[in-house]
Amino acid sequence: MLDVANRPMPKPEMFAAHRAKTLAELRKRKLEGVVLIYGFPEPTRAHCDFEPVFRQESCFYWLTGVNEADCAYFLDIETGKEILFYPDIPQAYIIWFGELATIDDIKKKYGFEDVRLMPKIQETLAEYKLKKIHTLPETCILKGYDALLDKNEFIDVVGELRQIKDDDEMVLIQYACDVNSFAVRDTFKKVHPKMWEHQVEANLIKHYVDYYCRCFAFSTIVCSGENCSILHYHHNNKFIEDGELILIDTGCEYNCYAADNTRTIPANGKFSPDQRAVYQAVLDCHNYVVAHAKPGVFWPDLAYDSAKVMAAGLLKLGLFQNGTVDEIVDAGALAVFYPHGLGHGMGIDCHEIAGWPRGTCRGKKPHHSFVRFGRTLEKGVVITNEPGCYFIRPSYNAAFADPEKSKYINKEVCERLRKTVGGVRIEDDLLITEDGCKVLSNIPKEIDEIEAFMAKKE
């Protein structure tokens, strides 16, 4: 069991270090002017005053640690002067919000020497002979300064810096991964045929909230049977039948830092021969990545090489025919069944920004072109490893009409696997270390391990 009372807390020093690195990089690039970025406003549902759980804009939180609505951050690049702007909340609001924080409270909580109220932004800008205002593309609400706004450079700077996680960030990410692992392991013991997909989802969410992960990295995917072929299935409303696979793609979020795991398990606790064969092909690909991910490896190359491992397993099964593994992969036949990238950067967003450096071009060969992370791995990168195989009827029907692909695909086996398997995905989060990688998750994924674990029903 996790100790929620002693869960790790984010430190103001971590965010101060992020701001220091950002300032150094801004100066290194010889950027001039000031930075002014806004956090998210308080969300409300249209035509009513319902307030969802607030979740801060990611870059703003990464820099400030402020997970409160309607704030802004100012930085003078030349002098390093920083200001946190905080909402001017009327005293009458104490009946809804409780006792309001003072300026001194905010300074102490977030580690800023200068905190001002939001209405002071225009007055503050008037103190500077502005050459340029660097801001974020989506959240800037500043009026009257359009000619000075630069919405490209700052997000590029922060996107690059967010790629490498520091030790304090890893403590938060590991906690999220621990909570996610616990929730998924517990769910293994509770699933069975004749329950609903949303009931599986409910068990996961219960554990997230139990361990103070009230925001989710994304909407939980729980699909069964042929629904497992829908990559981002969110209905979660099907009745789970005996003999079907259940694909669970889920991620909690702790202080804005994400976890992201997928497991595919048999509803009745036992893989059928077809399910076992497809699962093993995906698992072999997944395990190849774990064995080869390390600093200096270009991620798209690893995606391409590992795809061949999956193709070999599916060739052995009989899904592919009339060619070698290289021919099957290079013709795009595997991509019919594995139509997404190997993984994505992860951190303060589930899909970390700047997966491809600005100005780079994606490769053209299959399993190069659609990866979301086009970088060479470095120590401190956190990335997901999530190969999958899906039997998507419109996709393979289109492939049957393409002679360059169809000659490698056994149509009869393909149709059978759509019914008996649907789809398989296996996903873990990896931290790139000095000479390899560390799997941050602790969830069974070997076939015999899953079956033994599921046999321990509660």
Foldseek 3Di string as FASTA:
>chain_A
DDDLVPADDFDLVQLCVLLVLLLVVCVVVPHAFKEKEFKAAFDADPPDRDGDDFAIDLLVCSNFVDRDHTKMWMAHSVPRDIEIADADDDPVCCVPVNDDDDPVRVCVVGVHPHYHYPVCPVVVVVVDPGQAYEYADPGDPDPDCVVRYDHPPSCLSSLVVVQFDDPSLVSQQLVQQALQQVQVLQLLQAFAAQDFQVVSVVSSCVSCVVSPQNAWLDQKDKDKFLRQQPPDDRPSGDGHHALIKIKIWTWTHDSLFIFTWIFIAGRHLAHDPLQQLLLVLQVQLLVQCQVPAAFPAFQLVSQLVSLLSSLVSVVVVPQWDDDHSVLQQQLCLQCLFFVAEQKAWGTSHRRRPCLDNPPDAFDDGPNGRHHSHGGGDDARTKMKGKTKTALDPVSVVVQCVPVSRVNTGDVVVSVVCSRNYNMGMTMFMWGHHNGGIDTSHDHDRNNVRSSVSNVNHD
